[in-house]
Amino acid sequence: MKQLFYTLFSVVLLLPSTALAQQLANPLGKGATIELVIGRAIRAILGLSGVAALAMFVWGGFLWLTSRGETKQVTQGKETLKWAVLGLIVIFAAYTLVNALVAGLTTGSALEAPEPVE
């Protein structure tokens, strides 16, 4: 009886998703070239790196805030904040280089702005 319930429950859950899958549009958009797809992927990775840097800022601040005057934990919190700043600098530099690279591949000049990503 249990197996029949799970089978029917699975069919009810999966049946609408297969019917709706036929109506989905191309997720890459019209006219998506390999340069744009790679550029989007790299930008997404850099965005996730920014989220990781923000998490490190929060963690470093938490360590410093909860140190209760212990010099070891204060130092650890300061070091975490220092490395988070350095990480953000690297992320911004990487984003600038990726933008120039994608612009160079799509327009032929790294000084022109690339097309906005949809």
Protein backbone atom coordinates (compact mmCIF):
# COMPACT_ATOMS: atom_id res chain seq x y z
CA MET A 1 0.00 0.00 0.00
CA LYS A 2 2.85 2.33 0.87
CA GLN A 3 4.58 1.67 -2.44
CA LEU A 4 1.39 2.43 -4.38
CA PHE A 5 0.97 5.71 -2.51
CA TYR A 6 4.57 6.77 -3.25
CA THR A 7 4.20 5.81 -6.92
CA LEU A 8 0.98 7.80 -7.35
CA PHE A 9 2.44 10.73 -5.41
CA SER A 10 5.51 10.75 -7.68
CA VAL A 11 3.39 10.61 -10.84
CA VAL A 12 1.25 13.51 -9.63
CA LEU A 13 4.35 15.59 -8.91
CA LEU A 14 6.23 14.78 -12.12
CA LEU A 15 3.37 14.86 -14.64
CA PRO A 16 2.84 18.65 -14.66
CA SER A 17 6.58 19.34 -14.93
CA THR A 18 6.92 17.25 -18.10
CA ALA A 19 3.95 19.03 -19.66
CA LEU A 20 5.37 22.46 -18.80
CA ALA A 21 8.86 21.60 -20.00
CA GLN A 22 7.68 21.74 -23.61
CA GLN A 23 6.68 25.40 -23.24
CA LEU A 24 10.03 26.68 -21.96
CA ALA A 25 12.00 29.15 -24.09
CA ASN A 26 15.70 28.93 -24.82
CA PRO A 27 17.42 29.85 -21.53
CA LEU A 28 20.43 31.33 -23.33
CA GLY A 29 18.33 33.85 -25.23
CA LYS A 30 18.17 34.60 -28.91
CA GLY A 31 21.47 35.03 -30.68
CA ALA A 32 23.54 33.76 -27.76
CA THR A 33 27.14 33.35 -28.90
CA ILE A 34 29.87 31.40 -27.19
CA GLU A 35 31.52 34.65 -26.05
CA LEU A 36 28.34 35.80 -24.33
CA VAL A 37 27.74 32.43 -22.67
CA ILE A 38 31.31 32.27 -21.35
CA GLY A 39 31.12 35.90 -20.24
CA ARG A 40 27.88 35.24 -18.36
CA ALA A 41 29.38 32.19 -16.66
CA ILE A 42 32.48 34.10 -15.59
CA ARG A 43 30.40 37.01 -14.31
CA ALA A 44 28.24 34.59 -12.33
CA ILE A 45 31.33 33.04 -10.74
CA LEU A 46 32.68 36.50 -9.89
CA GLY A 47 29.31 37.40 -8.35
CA LEU A 48 29.46 34.31 -6.14
CA SER A 49 32.99 35.32 -5.15
CA GLY A 50 31.61 38.67 -4.02
CA VAL A 51 29.06 36.87 -1.88
CA ALA A 52 31.88 34.84 -0.31
CA ALA A 53 33.81 38.05 0.42
CA LEU A 54 30.73 39.53 2.09
CA ALA A 55 30.40 36.39 4.20
CA MET A 56 34.04 36.76 5.27
CA PHE A 57 33.39 40.38 6.28
CA VAL A 58 30.50 39.24 8.44
CA TRP A 59 32.57 36.42 9.93
CA GLY A 60 35.54 38.67 10.69
CA GLY A 61 33.28 41.25 12.28
CA PHE A 62 31.58 38.55 14.33
CA LEU A 63 34.93 37.24 15.57
CA TRP A 64 36.07 40.72 16.53
CA LEU A 65 32.74 41.58 18.15
CA THR A 66 32.60 38.44 20.26
CA SER A 67 36.30 38.45 21.23
CA ARG A 68 35.62 39.81 24.74
CA GLY A 69 39.03 41.46 24.68
CA GLU A 70 40.99 38.29 23.91
CA THR A 71 43.90 39.46 21.79
CA LYS A 72 44.13 36.21 19.82
CA GLN A 73 40.51 36.42 18.65
CA VAL A 74 40.75 40.18 17.98
CA THR A 75 43.81 39.52 15.81
CA GLN A 76 42.02 36.69 14.02
CA GLY A 77 39.02 38.95 13.30
CA LYS A 78 41.28 41.73 11.99
CA GLU A 79 43.17 39.29 9.78
CA THR A 80 39.92 37.94 8.39
CA LEU A 81 38.75 41.47 7.56
CA LYS A 82 42.11 42.32 5.99
CA TRP A 83 42.03 39.26 3.73
CA ALA A 84 38.40 39.93 2.82
CA VAL A 85 39.40 43.42 1.62
CA LEU A 86 42.26 41.93 -0.38
CA GLY A 87 39.85 39.38 -1.85
CA LEU A 88 37.47 42.15 -2.91
CA ILE A 89 40.31 43.98 -4.63
CA VAL A 90 41.19 40.82 -6.55
CA ILE A 91 37.52 40.25 -7.44
CA PHE A 92 37.13 43.83 -8.77
CA ALA A 93 40.35 43.51 -10.78
CA ALA A 94 39.19 40.18 -12.22
CA TYR A 95 35.80 41.67 -13.10
CA THR A 96 37.48 44.57 -14.90
CA LEU A 97 39.73 42.21 -16.86
CA VAL A 98 36.82 39.93 -17.77
CA ASN A 99 34.76 42.90 -18.94
CA ALA A 100 37.65 44.07 -21.14
CA LEU A 101 38.16 40.55 -22.49
CA VAL A 102 34.48 40.02 -23.29
CA ALA A 103 34.29 43.48 -24.88
CA GLY A 104 37.37 42.69 -26.94
CA LEU A 105 35.90 39.40 -28.14
CA THR A 106 32.46 40.79 -28.97
CA THR A 107 33.22 44.27 -30.34
CA GLY A 108 36.86 44.03 -31.34
CA SER A 109 37.96 46.76 -28.92
CA ALA A 110 38.45 46.44 -25.18
CA LEU A 111 37.71 50.14 -24.71
CA GLU A 112 34.12 49.93 -25.94
CA ALA A 113 31.42 48.84 -23.54
CA PRO A 114 30.07 45.33 -24.17
CA GLU A 115 26.43 44.69 -24.88
CA PRO A 116 24.35 44.42 -21.72
CA VAL A 117 23.74 40.86 -20.61
CA GLU A 118 20.06 40.00 -20.70
